[in-house]
N, C-alpha and C. Protein backbone atom coordinates (compact mmCIF):
# COMPACT_ATOMS: atom_id res chain seq x y z
N MET A 1 128.05 109.52 104.64
CA MET A 1 127.29 110.06 103.57
C MET A 1 125.81 109.69 103.68
N ASN A 2 124.92 110.76 103.48
CA ASN A 2 123.51 110.47 103.46
C ASN A 2 123.08 109.46 102.47
N ARG A 3 122.19 108.56 102.87
CA ARG A 3 121.66 107.53 102.04
C ARG A 3 120.11 107.69 101.89
N PHE A 4 119.67 107.70 100.62
CA PHE A 4 118.27 107.78 100.35
C PHE A 4 117.89 106.61 99.42
N ALA A 5 116.57 106.28 99.42
CA ALA A 5 116.01 105.35 98.55
C ALA A 5 114.68 105.78 97.98
N ILE A 6 114.53 105.92 96.72
CA ILE A 6 113.30 106.18 96.00
C ILE A 6 112.71 104.94 95.51
N ILE A 7 111.53 104.42 96.08
CA ILE A 7 111.04 103.24 95.75
C ILE A 7 109.81 103.55 94.78
N VAL A 8 109.90 103.07 93.52
CA VAL A 8 108.90 103.49 92.54
C VAL A 8 107.87 102.47 92.55
N ALA A 9 106.65 102.80 92.86
CA ALA A 9 105.60 101.91 92.93
C ALA A 9 104.36 102.41 92.01
N GLY A 10 104.69 102.29 90.66
CA GLY A 10 103.62 102.90 89.69
C GLY A 10 102.72 101.95 89.10
N GLY A 11 102.75 100.63 89.51
CA GLY A 11 101.87 99.63 88.93
C GLY A 11 100.39 99.89 89.28
N THR A 12 99.57 99.41 88.36
CA THR A 12 98.09 99.53 88.55
C THR A 12 97.46 98.14 88.59
N GLY A 13 98.10 97.16 88.31
CA GLY A 13 97.57 95.79 88.41
C GLY A 13 97.02 95.23 87.22
N GLN A 14 97.00 95.98 86.09
CA GLN A 14 96.31 95.59 84.84
C GLN A 14 97.06 94.45 84.17
N ARG A 15 98.41 94.48 84.10
CA ARG A 15 99.10 93.41 83.46
C ARG A 15 99.16 92.15 84.27
N PHE A 16 99.02 92.31 85.56
CA PHE A 16 99.06 91.25 86.58
C PHE A 16 97.67 90.53 86.60
N GLY A 17 96.73 91.09 86.07
CA GLY A 17 95.42 90.59 85.99
C GLY A 17 94.69 90.74 87.47
N SER A 18 95.10 91.70 88.16
CA SER A 18 94.56 92.03 89.51
C SER A 18 93.77 93.32 89.51
N GLN A 19 92.77 93.37 90.43
CA GLN A 19 92.02 94.53 90.56
C GLN A 19 92.71 95.56 91.48
N ILE A 20 93.76 95.20 92.13
CA ILE A 20 94.55 96.12 93.01
C ILE A 20 95.99 96.07 92.41
N PRO A 21 96.71 97.20 92.71
CA PRO A 21 98.12 97.28 92.22
C PRO A 21 98.97 96.08 92.70
N LYS A 22 99.88 95.58 91.87
CA LYS A 22 100.65 94.42 92.30
C LYS A 22 101.53 94.72 93.53
N GLN A 23 101.95 95.94 93.72
CA GLN A 23 102.73 96.24 94.83
C GLN A 23 101.98 96.17 96.10
N PHE A 24 100.68 96.09 96.09
CA PHE A 24 99.86 95.94 97.31
C PHE A 24 99.38 94.44 97.50
N LEU A 25 99.72 93.61 96.60
CA LEU A 25 99.29 92.16 96.70
C LEU A 25 100.04 91.50 97.86
N PRO A 26 99.36 90.56 98.60
CA PRO A 26 99.94 89.95 99.73
C PRO A 26 101.09 88.99 99.35
N LEU A 27 102.10 89.04 100.04
CA LEU A 27 103.26 88.07 99.88
C LEU A 27 103.60 87.66 101.39
N LYS A 28 103.34 86.45 101.59
CA LYS A 28 103.75 85.84 102.97
C LYS A 28 103.18 86.77 104.07
N GLY A 29 101.99 87.31 103.91
CA GLY A 29 101.25 87.90 105.06
C GLY A 29 101.39 89.38 105.03
N LEU A 30 102.14 89.99 104.16
CA LEU A 30 102.27 91.47 104.02
C LEU A 30 102.29 91.84 102.55
N PRO A 31 101.78 93.12 102.22
CA PRO A 31 101.80 93.64 100.90
C PRO A 31 103.26 93.71 100.36
N ILE A 32 103.44 93.36 99.10
CA ILE A 32 104.82 93.29 98.61
C ILE A 32 105.66 94.62 98.87
N LEU A 33 105.06 95.78 98.76
CA LEU A 33 105.69 97.01 98.99
C LEU A 33 106.24 97.16 100.42
N MET A 34 105.60 96.52 101.39
CA MET A 34 106.03 96.62 102.81
C MET A 34 107.31 95.74 102.89
N HIS A 35 107.34 94.61 102.17
CA HIS A 35 108.47 93.74 102.27
C HIS A 35 109.72 94.56 101.66
N THR A 36 109.51 95.22 100.65
CA THR A 36 110.48 96.08 99.99
C THR A 36 111.08 97.14 100.92
N ILE A 37 110.19 97.88 101.48
CA ILE A 37 110.63 98.87 102.44
C ILE A 37 111.36 98.24 103.61
N LYS A 38 110.87 97.11 104.16
CA LYS A 38 111.60 96.51 105.32
C LYS A 38 113.04 96.05 104.91
N THR A 39 113.12 95.60 103.65
CA THR A 39 114.50 95.25 103.24
C THR A 39 115.55 96.26 103.32
N PHE A 40 115.12 97.50 102.89
CA PHE A 40 116.07 98.62 102.99
C PHE A 40 116.18 99.10 104.42
N TYR A 41 115.19 99.04 105.22
CA TYR A 41 115.26 99.41 106.62
C TYR A 41 116.26 98.44 107.43
N LYS A 42 116.15 97.18 107.05
CA LYS A 42 116.94 96.19 107.77
C LYS A 42 118.44 96.34 107.36
N PHE A 43 118.66 96.77 106.15
CA PHE A 43 120.00 97.05 105.78
C PHE A 43 120.63 98.25 106.38
N ASP A 44 119.77 99.35 106.53
CA ASP A 44 120.37 100.56 107.21
C ASP A 44 119.10 101.34 107.57
N SER A 45 118.94 101.28 108.97
CA SER A 45 117.73 101.90 109.46
C SER A 45 117.66 103.44 109.24
N SER A 46 118.80 103.99 108.95
CA SER A 46 118.96 105.48 108.73
C SER A 46 118.67 105.98 107.27
N ILE A 47 118.46 105.04 106.42
CA ILE A 47 118.13 105.35 105.06
C ILE A 47 116.78 106.18 104.94
N LYS A 48 116.78 107.17 104.21
CA LYS A 48 115.55 108.04 104.09
C LYS A 48 114.78 107.46 102.88
N ILE A 49 113.55 107.04 103.14
CA ILE A 49 112.88 106.28 102.15
C ILE A 49 111.73 107.08 101.59
N ILE A 50 111.67 107.21 100.23
CA ILE A 50 110.61 107.95 99.60
C ILE A 50 109.81 106.84 98.62
N VAL A 51 108.55 106.85 98.77
CA VAL A 51 107.78 105.94 97.92
C VAL A 51 106.89 106.84 97.00
N THR A 52 107.00 106.48 95.70
CA THR A 52 106.19 107.14 94.77
C THR A 52 105.03 106.32 94.27
N LEU A 53 103.86 106.84 94.39
CA LEU A 53 102.59 106.05 94.02
C LEU A 53 101.66 106.82 93.20
N PRO A 54 100.88 106.27 92.33
CA PRO A 54 99.85 106.90 91.50
C PRO A 54 98.88 107.61 92.53
N ALA A 55 98.46 108.80 92.18
CA ALA A 55 97.63 109.58 93.02
C ALA A 55 96.45 108.90 93.48
N ASP A 56 95.86 108.02 92.63
CA ASP A 56 94.58 107.26 92.98
C ASP A 56 94.84 106.17 94.11
N PHE A 57 96.02 105.77 94.35
CA PHE A 57 96.32 104.75 95.30
C PHE A 57 97.09 105.19 96.52
N ILE A 58 97.35 106.41 96.72
CA ILE A 58 97.92 106.88 97.98
C ILE A 58 97.06 106.64 99.28
N GLU A 59 95.80 106.86 99.01
CA GLU A 59 94.86 106.67 100.19
C GLU A 59 94.71 105.14 100.51
N MET A 60 94.79 104.28 99.46
CA MET A 60 94.81 102.85 99.67
C MET A 60 96.05 102.43 100.46
N TRP A 61 97.12 102.95 100.13
CA TRP A 61 98.39 102.61 100.75
C TRP A 61 98.37 103.08 102.26
N GLN A 62 97.86 104.22 102.45
CA GLN A 62 97.77 104.63 103.80
C GLN A 62 96.85 103.79 104.68
N ALA A 63 95.78 103.33 104.10
CA ALA A 63 94.83 102.46 104.73
C ALA A 63 95.52 101.06 105.06
N LEU A 64 96.38 100.65 104.06
CA LEU A 64 97.14 99.42 104.37
C LEU A 64 98.11 99.47 105.44
N CYS A 65 98.83 100.71 105.49
CA CYS A 65 99.81 100.95 106.48
C CYS A 65 99.09 100.88 107.96
N SER A 66 97.91 101.49 108.01
CA SER A 66 97.10 101.34 109.21
C SER A 66 96.67 99.95 109.58
N GLU A 67 96.14 99.33 108.57
CA GLU A 67 95.61 97.97 108.80
C GLU A 67 96.73 96.99 109.25
N TYR A 68 97.92 97.05 108.74
CA TYR A 68 99.04 96.18 108.97
C TYR A 68 99.86 96.71 110.12
N LYS A 69 99.55 97.89 110.66
CA LYS A 69 100.31 98.54 111.69
C LYS A 69 101.84 98.65 111.26
N PHE A 70 101.88 99.18 110.03
CA PHE A 70 103.29 99.36 109.47
C PHE A 70 103.77 100.73 109.74
N THR A 71 104.89 100.71 110.56
CA THR A 71 105.40 101.95 111.12
C THR A 71 106.75 102.38 110.70
N ILE A 72 107.38 101.64 109.77
CA ILE A 72 108.65 102.14 109.29
C ILE A 72 108.56 103.44 108.54
N HIS A 73 109.27 104.44 109.07
CA HIS A 73 109.14 105.79 108.53
C HIS A 73 109.42 105.88 106.99
N HIS A 74 108.61 106.49 106.22
CA HIS A 74 108.82 106.84 104.84
C HIS A 74 107.97 107.98 104.33
N LYS A 75 108.40 108.49 103.39
CA LYS A 75 107.57 109.71 102.73
C LYS A 75 106.84 109.11 101.56
N THR A 76 105.55 109.37 101.35
CA THR A 76 104.81 108.99 100.18
C THR A 76 104.52 110.22 99.38
N ILE A 77 104.76 110.11 98.10
CA ILE A 77 104.49 111.25 97.21
C ILE A 77 103.82 110.77 95.96
N GLN A 78 103.24 111.59 95.23
CA GLN A 78 102.53 111.23 93.98
C GLN A 78 103.56 111.07 92.79
N GLY A 79 103.41 110.02 92.17
CA GLY A 79 104.25 109.66 91.04
C GLY A 79 103.87 110.50 89.85
N GLY A 80 104.41 110.15 88.70
CA GLY A 80 104.17 111.02 87.53
C GLY A 80 103.62 110.12 86.32
N GLU A 81 103.52 110.57 85.17
CA GLU A 81 102.98 110.00 84.00
C GLU A 81 103.70 108.74 83.61
N THR A 82 105.00 108.78 83.76
CA THR A 82 105.90 107.66 83.45
C THR A 82 106.87 107.41 84.64
N ARG A 83 107.65 106.30 84.60
CA ARG A 83 108.65 106.02 85.62
C ARG A 83 109.69 107.16 85.77
N PHE A 84 110.05 107.68 84.66
CA PHE A 84 110.94 108.82 84.56
C PHE A 84 110.39 110.03 85.40
N HIS A 85 109.17 110.38 85.21
CA HIS A 85 108.54 111.51 85.94
C HIS A 85 108.37 111.19 87.41
N SER A 86 108.07 109.90 87.73
CA SER A 86 107.99 109.55 89.14
C SER A 86 109.32 109.74 89.88
N VAL A 87 110.36 109.20 89.25
CA VAL A 87 111.65 109.45 89.85
C VAL A 87 112.06 110.81 90.00
N LYS A 88 111.71 111.64 89.03
CA LYS A 88 112.04 113.10 89.08
C LYS A 88 111.24 113.72 90.24
N ASN A 89 109.95 113.35 90.46
CA ASN A 89 109.18 113.83 91.52
C ASN A 89 109.92 113.50 92.87
N GLY A 90 110.42 112.25 92.91
CA GLY A 90 111.05 111.87 94.20
C GLY A 90 112.27 112.62 94.44
N LEU A 91 113.17 112.84 93.34
CA LEU A 91 114.40 113.60 93.44
C LEU A 91 114.09 115.01 93.94
N ASN A 92 112.98 115.55 93.51
CA ASN A 92 112.63 116.98 93.91
C ASN A 92 112.42 117.23 95.31
N THR A 93 112.21 116.02 96.10
CA THR A 93 111.95 116.16 97.50
C THR A 93 113.23 116.09 98.26
N ILE A 94 114.36 115.75 97.63
CA ILE A 94 115.63 115.60 98.28
C ILE A 94 116.40 116.88 98.19
N THR A 95 116.80 117.43 99.34
CA THR A 95 117.54 118.69 99.36
C THR A 95 118.89 118.56 100.00
N GLN A 96 119.25 117.35 100.45
CA GLN A 96 120.61 117.03 101.05
C GLN A 96 121.52 116.44 99.84
N THR A 97 122.73 116.35 100.19
CA THR A 97 123.70 115.63 99.39
C THR A 97 123.86 114.15 99.88
N GLY A 98 124.42 113.40 99.11
CA GLY A 98 124.63 111.88 99.36
C GLY A 98 124.40 111.09 98.20
N VAL A 99 123.87 109.93 98.36
CA VAL A 99 123.70 108.97 97.36
C VAL A 99 122.19 108.47 97.39
N VAL A 100 121.56 108.18 96.25
CA VAL A 100 120.21 107.79 96.25
C VAL A 100 120.04 106.48 95.42
N ALA A 101 119.30 105.54 95.89
CA ALA A 101 118.97 104.29 95.18
C ALA A 101 117.60 104.50 94.64
N ILE A 102 117.41 104.08 93.31
CA ILE A 102 116.14 103.95 92.70
C ILE A 102 115.79 102.48 92.60
N HIS A 103 114.63 102.19 93.19
CA HIS A 103 114.30 100.76 93.26
C HIS A 103 112.87 100.43 92.90
N ASP A 104 112.67 99.26 92.27
CA ASP A 104 111.34 98.82 91.87
C ASP A 104 110.52 98.32 93.11
N ALA A 105 109.38 98.76 93.32
CA ALA A 105 108.65 98.36 94.52
C ALA A 105 108.42 96.89 94.57
N VAL A 106 108.41 96.14 93.40
CA VAL A 106 108.11 94.82 93.36
C VAL A 106 109.35 93.96 93.21
N ARG A 107 110.48 94.47 93.76
CA ARG A 107 111.65 93.68 93.90
C ARG A 107 111.98 93.54 95.46
N PRO A 108 111.21 92.73 96.21
CA PRO A 108 111.35 92.72 97.66
C PRO A 108 112.55 91.80 98.09
N LEU A 109 113.20 91.03 97.13
CA LEU A 109 114.22 90.09 97.47
C LEU A 109 115.65 90.47 97.21
N VAL A 110 115.93 91.80 97.07
CA VAL A 110 117.25 92.28 96.93
C VAL A 110 117.95 91.91 98.12
N SER A 111 119.20 91.50 98.03
CA SER A 111 120.02 91.05 99.19
C SER A 111 120.70 92.21 99.88
N THR A 112 121.08 91.96 101.12
CA THR A 112 121.81 92.95 101.89
C THR A 112 123.22 93.20 101.23
N ASP A 113 123.82 92.06 100.67
CA ASP A 113 125.05 92.15 100.00
C ASP A 113 124.99 93.06 98.71
N THR A 114 123.91 92.88 97.98
CA THR A 114 123.72 93.73 96.79
C THR A 114 123.48 95.24 97.24
N LEU A 115 122.78 95.49 98.18
CA LEU A 115 122.59 96.82 98.63
C LEU A 115 123.91 97.42 99.08
N LEU A 116 124.69 96.68 99.90
CA LEU A 116 125.94 97.15 100.36
C LEU A 116 126.83 97.44 99.10
N ARG A 117 126.95 96.54 98.12
CA ARG A 117 127.83 96.78 96.95
C ARG A 117 127.42 98.03 96.25
N CYS A 118 126.06 98.15 96.02
CA CYS A 118 125.53 99.37 95.21
C CYS A 118 125.88 100.63 95.93
N TYR A 119 125.51 100.76 97.18
CA TYR A 119 125.73 102.00 97.93
C TYR A 119 127.20 102.35 98.04
N GLU A 120 127.98 101.36 98.40
CA GLU A 120 129.41 101.68 98.57
C GLU A 120 130.06 101.95 97.34
N THR A 121 129.85 101.30 96.24
CA THR A 121 130.34 101.62 94.92
C THR A 121 129.98 103.03 94.50
N ALA A 122 128.62 103.30 94.63
CA ALA A 122 128.17 104.59 94.23
C ALA A 122 128.77 105.77 95.03
N GLN A 123 129.07 105.51 96.30
CA GLN A 123 129.74 106.48 97.15
C GLN A 123 131.19 106.78 96.66
N ARG A 124 131.80 105.71 96.06
CA ARG A 124 133.23 105.82 95.52
C ARG A 124 133.23 106.37 94.13
N THR A 125 132.31 105.91 93.26
CA THR A 125 132.53 106.25 91.79
C THR A 125 131.39 107.09 91.26
N GLY A 126 130.35 107.36 92.02
CA GLY A 126 129.24 108.13 91.55
C GLY A 126 127.97 107.41 91.10
N ASN A 127 128.16 106.08 90.78
CA ASN A 127 127.02 105.27 90.35
C ASN A 127 127.36 103.81 90.49
N ALA A 128 126.28 103.02 90.61
CA ALA A 128 126.47 101.59 90.56
C ALA A 128 125.08 100.98 90.21
N VAL A 129 125.14 100.07 89.32
CA VAL A 129 123.99 99.29 88.72
C VAL A 129 124.17 97.83 88.89
N PRO A 130 123.26 97.08 89.54
CA PRO A 130 123.46 95.65 89.79
C PRO A 130 123.13 94.94 88.50
N ILE A 131 123.80 93.81 88.24
CA ILE A 131 123.52 92.91 87.10
C ILE A 131 123.73 91.49 87.46
N THR A 132 123.07 90.62 86.69
CA THR A 132 123.40 89.23 86.74
C THR A 132 123.69 88.73 85.35
N SER A 133 124.42 87.58 85.28
CA SER A 133 124.71 87.02 83.90
C SER A 133 123.53 86.23 83.41
N LEU A 134 123.55 86.07 82.08
CA LEU A 134 122.51 85.26 81.45
C LEU A 134 122.87 83.79 81.55
N VAL A 135 121.93 82.92 81.77
CA VAL A 135 122.05 81.48 81.74
C VAL A 135 121.43 80.76 80.59
N ASP A 136 120.48 81.37 79.98
CA ASP A 136 119.92 80.75 78.72
C ASP A 136 120.62 81.30 77.52
N SER A 137 120.42 80.44 76.40
CA SER A 137 120.88 80.93 75.18
C SER A 137 119.92 82.02 74.65
N ILE A 138 120.44 82.99 73.91
CA ILE A 138 119.54 84.02 73.37
C ILE A 138 119.81 84.21 71.89
N ARG A 139 118.72 84.73 71.22
CA ARG A 139 118.75 85.00 69.89
C ARG A 139 118.31 86.40 69.56
N GLN A 140 118.86 87.08 68.53
CA GLN A 140 118.47 88.35 68.12
C GLN A 140 117.48 88.30 67.05
N LEU A 141 116.30 89.00 67.17
CA LEU A 141 115.18 89.03 66.19
C LEU A 141 115.45 90.13 65.21
N LYS A 142 115.36 89.84 63.93
CA LYS A 142 115.38 90.92 62.92
C LYS A 142 114.30 90.56 61.84
N GLY A 143 113.13 91.19 61.93
CA GLY A 143 111.98 90.91 61.12
C GLY A 143 111.44 89.47 61.45
N ASP A 144 111.44 88.72 60.36
CA ASP A 144 111.06 87.28 60.50
C ASP A 144 112.14 86.38 60.85
N ALA A 145 113.34 86.82 60.80
CA ALA A 145 114.50 86.00 61.11
C ALA A 145 115.10 86.20 62.41
N SER A 146 115.91 85.32 62.85
CA SER A 146 116.65 85.50 64.04
C SER A 146 118.04 84.92 63.96
N LYS A 147 118.93 85.36 64.80
CA LYS A 147 120.34 84.75 64.78
C LYS A 147 120.83 84.66 66.18
N GLN A 148 121.65 83.69 66.30
CA GLN A 148 122.30 83.49 67.61
C GLN A 148 123.27 84.62 68.02
N VAL A 149 123.28 85.09 69.30
CA VAL A 149 124.20 85.99 69.71
C VAL A 149 124.97 85.43 70.97
N LYS A 150 126.12 85.95 71.31
CA LYS A 150 126.87 85.47 72.42
C LYS A 150 126.30 85.96 73.77
N ARG A 151 125.86 85.05 74.52
CA ARG A 151 125.16 85.43 75.75
C ARG A 151 126.23 86.24 76.76
N ASP A 152 127.40 85.87 76.64
CA ASP A 152 128.43 86.47 77.57
C ASP A 152 128.72 87.98 77.24
N GLU A 153 128.14 88.44 76.14
CA GLU A 153 128.20 89.86 75.75
C GLU A 153 126.98 90.65 76.34
N PHE A 154 126.15 89.98 77.02
CA PHE A 154 124.91 90.64 77.54
C PHE A 154 124.73 90.28 78.99
N VAL A 155 124.03 91.19 79.75
CA VAL A 155 123.76 90.93 81.16
C VAL A 155 122.26 91.39 81.45
N LEU A 156 121.82 90.93 82.55
CA LEU A 156 120.46 91.35 83.00
C LEU A 156 120.54 92.47 84.00
N VAL A 157 119.89 93.50 83.89
CA VAL A 157 119.96 94.63 84.76
C VAL A 157 118.90 94.62 85.94
N GLN A 158 119.28 94.95 87.07
CA GLN A 158 118.34 94.93 88.17
C GLN A 158 118.22 96.36 88.77
N THR A 159 117.45 96.47 89.89
CA THR A 159 117.58 97.63 90.69
C THR A 159 117.85 97.06 92.09
N PRO A 160 118.41 97.88 93.11
CA PRO A 160 118.47 99.37 93.01
C PRO A 160 119.60 99.91 92.16
N GLN A 161 119.39 100.96 91.40
CA GLN A 161 120.41 101.61 90.74
C GLN A 161 120.71 102.87 91.52
N VAL A 162 122.06 102.98 91.93
CA VAL A 162 122.38 103.95 92.97
C VAL A 162 123.28 105.05 92.42
N PHE A 163 123.01 106.32 92.74
CA PHE A 163 123.73 107.37 92.11
C PHE A 163 124.08 108.54 93.06
N GLU A 164 125.12 109.26 92.86
CA GLU A 164 125.37 110.42 93.66
C GLU A 164 124.19 111.41 93.34
N ILE A 165 123.64 112.03 94.28
CA ILE A 165 122.43 112.74 94.09
C ILE A 165 122.54 113.92 93.06
N SER A 166 123.58 114.68 93.12
CA SER A 166 123.73 115.83 92.17
C SER A 166 123.88 115.33 90.75
N LEU A 167 124.42 114.20 90.56
CA LEU A 167 124.57 113.58 89.26
C LEU A 167 123.19 113.18 88.64
N LEU A 168 122.53 112.52 89.50
CA LEU A 168 121.06 112.03 89.06
C LEU A 168 120.21 113.21 88.80
N LYS A 169 120.24 114.17 89.70
CA LYS A 169 119.43 115.36 89.45
C LYS A 169 119.74 116.08 88.08
N LYS A 170 121.01 116.13 87.82
CA LYS A 170 121.51 116.83 86.50
C LYS A 170 120.94 115.91 85.43
N ALA A 171 120.99 114.62 85.48
CA ALA A 171 120.57 113.72 84.40
C ALA A 171 119.07 113.90 84.18
N TYR A 172 118.36 114.14 85.32
CA TYR A 172 116.88 114.27 85.22
C TYR A 172 116.37 115.62 84.71
N GLU A 173 117.37 116.53 84.47
CA GLU A 173 116.91 117.82 83.92
C GLU A 173 116.85 117.64 82.52
N GLN A 174 117.28 116.47 81.87
CA GLN A 174 117.05 116.29 80.44
C GLN A 174 115.69 116.04 80.06
N PRO A 175 115.20 116.43 78.93
CA PRO A 175 113.91 116.16 78.39
C PRO A 175 113.70 114.60 78.34
N TYR A 176 112.49 114.21 78.60
CA TYR A 176 112.17 112.75 78.51
C TYR A 176 112.15 112.28 77.18
N ILE A 177 112.78 111.09 76.88
CA ILE A 177 112.63 110.37 75.65
C ILE A 177 112.36 108.89 75.89
N LEU A 178 111.88 108.16 74.90
CA LEU A 178 111.45 106.77 74.99
C LEU A 178 112.57 105.90 75.28
N ASP A 179 113.88 106.31 74.99
CA ASP A 179 115.00 105.40 75.24
C ASP A 179 115.24 105.37 76.71
N PHE A 180 114.65 106.18 77.50
CA PHE A 180 114.97 106.14 78.94
C PHE A 180 114.14 105.06 79.64
N THR A 181 114.79 103.84 79.55
CA THR A 181 114.03 102.69 80.17
C THR A 181 114.32 102.44 81.65
N ASP A 182 115.48 103.00 82.10
CA ASP A 182 115.86 102.93 83.54
C ASP A 182 116.66 104.14 83.86
N ASP A 183 117.15 104.21 85.08
CA ASP A 183 117.92 105.36 85.47
C ASP A 183 119.32 105.47 84.88
N ALA A 184 119.86 104.25 84.69
CA ALA A 184 121.15 104.19 84.06
C ALA A 184 121.18 104.71 82.73
N SER A 185 120.06 104.54 81.97
CA SER A 185 119.98 105.05 80.59
C SER A 185 119.89 106.55 80.57
N VAL A 186 119.29 107.11 81.60
CA VAL A 186 119.12 108.63 81.75
C VAL A 186 120.53 109.21 82.08
N VAL A 187 121.26 108.59 83.02
CA VAL A 187 122.61 109.06 83.39
C VAL A 187 123.55 108.84 82.26
N GLU A 188 123.48 107.83 81.51
CA GLU A 188 124.38 107.42 80.49
C GLU A 188 124.26 108.49 79.35
N LYS A 189 123.05 109.08 79.22
CA LYS A 189 122.78 110.12 78.21
C LYS A 189 123.70 111.29 78.40
N LEU A 190 124.11 111.55 79.63
CA LEU A 190 125.02 112.60 79.89
C LEU A 190 126.50 112.46 79.47
N GLY A 191 126.76 111.16 79.08
CA GLY A 191 128.14 110.73 78.78
C GLY A 191 128.84 110.13 80.00
N THR A 192 128.05 109.82 80.97
CA THR A 192 128.67 109.22 82.22
C THR A 192 128.98 107.66 82.07
N LYS A 193 129.97 107.10 82.45
CA LYS A 193 130.12 105.68 82.28
C LYS A 193 129.36 105.08 83.42
N ILE A 194 128.67 103.94 83.10
CA ILE A 194 127.86 103.20 84.11
C ILE A 194 128.78 102.14 84.80
N ILE A 195 128.79 102.06 86.02
CA ILE A 195 129.58 101.16 86.80
C ILE A 195 128.66 99.98 87.14
N LEU A 196 129.00 98.73 86.72
CA LEU A 196 128.30 97.59 86.99
C LEU A 196 128.79 96.87 88.21
N VAL A 197 127.86 96.30 88.99
CA VAL A 197 128.28 95.56 90.25
C VAL A 197 127.41 94.25 90.24
N GLU A 198 127.82 93.26 90.95
CA GLU A 198 127.11 91.99 90.98
C GLU A 198 125.80 92.13 91.79
N GLY A 199 124.73 91.71 91.24
CA GLY A 199 123.52 91.64 91.89
C GLY A 199 123.20 90.26 92.49
N ASN A 200 121.91 89.90 92.82
CA ASN A 200 121.65 88.58 93.30
C ASN A 200 120.44 88.10 92.58
N ARG A 201 120.58 86.74 92.18
CA ARG A 201 119.45 86.11 91.24
C ARG A 201 118.14 86.12 91.89
N GLU A 202 118.07 86.08 93.20
CA GLU A 202 116.78 86.13 93.91
C GLU A 202 116.04 87.40 93.79
N ASN A 203 116.83 88.49 93.33
CA ASN A 203 116.12 89.80 93.18
C ASN A 203 115.31 89.90 91.94
N ILE A 204 114.23 89.16 92.01
CA ILE A 204 113.33 89.04 90.82
C ILE A 204 112.35 90.24 90.87
N LYS A 205 111.82 90.60 89.70
CA LYS A 205 110.71 91.61 89.58
C LYS A 205 109.45 90.82 89.55
N ILE A 206 108.50 91.08 90.47
CA ILE A 206 107.30 90.27 90.54
C ILE A 206 106.35 90.95 89.53
N THR A 207 106.14 90.36 88.44
CA THR A 207 105.32 90.94 87.37
C THR A 207 104.10 90.02 86.95
N ASN A 208 104.08 88.83 87.44
CA ASN A 208 102.99 87.91 87.16
C ASN A 208 102.75 86.86 88.25
N GLN A 209 101.75 86.03 88.19
CA GLN A 209 101.53 85.12 89.27
C GLN A 209 102.62 84.13 89.54
N THR A 210 103.26 83.65 88.44
CA THR A 210 104.38 82.69 88.60
C THR A 210 105.53 83.41 89.54
N ASP A 211 105.74 84.64 89.16
CA ASP A 211 106.82 85.33 89.92
C ASP A 211 106.40 85.43 91.51
N LEU A 212 105.16 85.52 91.72
CA LEU A 212 104.66 85.68 93.13
C LEU A 212 104.83 84.36 93.75
N LEU A 213 104.68 83.25 93.12
CA LEU A 213 104.80 81.92 93.71
C LEU A 213 106.29 81.67 94.01
N ILE A 214 107.17 82.16 93.07
CA ILE A 214 108.63 81.99 93.23
C ILE A 214 109.10 82.81 94.48
N ALA A 215 108.56 84.02 94.58
CA ALA A 215 108.90 84.86 95.73
C ALA A 215 108.48 84.24 96.99
N GLU A 216 107.34 83.67 97.04
CA GLU A 216 106.78 83.01 98.21
C GLU A 216 107.71 81.88 98.61
N ALA A 217 108.16 81.09 97.66
CA ALA A 217 109.10 79.92 97.98
C ALA A 217 110.47 80.52 98.49
N LEU A 218 110.86 81.62 97.78
CA LEU A 218 112.23 82.01 98.23
C LEU A 218 112.14 82.61 99.58
N LEU A 219 111.07 83.27 100.03
CA LEU A 219 110.93 83.85 101.44
C LEU A 219 110.80 82.77 102.40
N LYS A 220 110.30 81.61 102.09
CA LYS A 220 110.30 80.46 103.02
C LYS A 220 111.65 79.84 103.30
């Protein structure tokens, strides 16, 4: 079965406090996005990789690929106004059948085992979403008050979220709503049951300087 990966790189660096997008920040000698692409390539060199970027940063990415002599084949396309629209743009470039992973550009530490579980489960069931359990106590906020809730009734959701291509394309024909926070929420809106698989705790999303330091330590 054909395997695809749409890597969503829509960050601009504002929340990170950087003048360049966080996906381009250096991590152990390479921009974060390059680490992420390499992770998919090492898992399966035949995966067809599509990277969505804000229009203003495509030229910067091409310059970085030249500077770092980055030659792993991938297609770069313009993202959209939101993550939803960026994924939709990526899907529109796929004409074959198979399964497609949607992955955050700033999650370079997804493991081979997680990728294997996600792709193989999606091939069997139509979708797969990696999760990890909560280790901290959590409370639910209601106005000025809060109450304890059972942490074993909640999980943390990661990417890549992998889907059979025709299913995901059908889901993305729906009009965009604010409740669409990830691809699973878009597919679930169709009435499709979401299949959860085990992720890996190292698969952190790099959103601030502390995350970057943690990622550096994990890569060592």
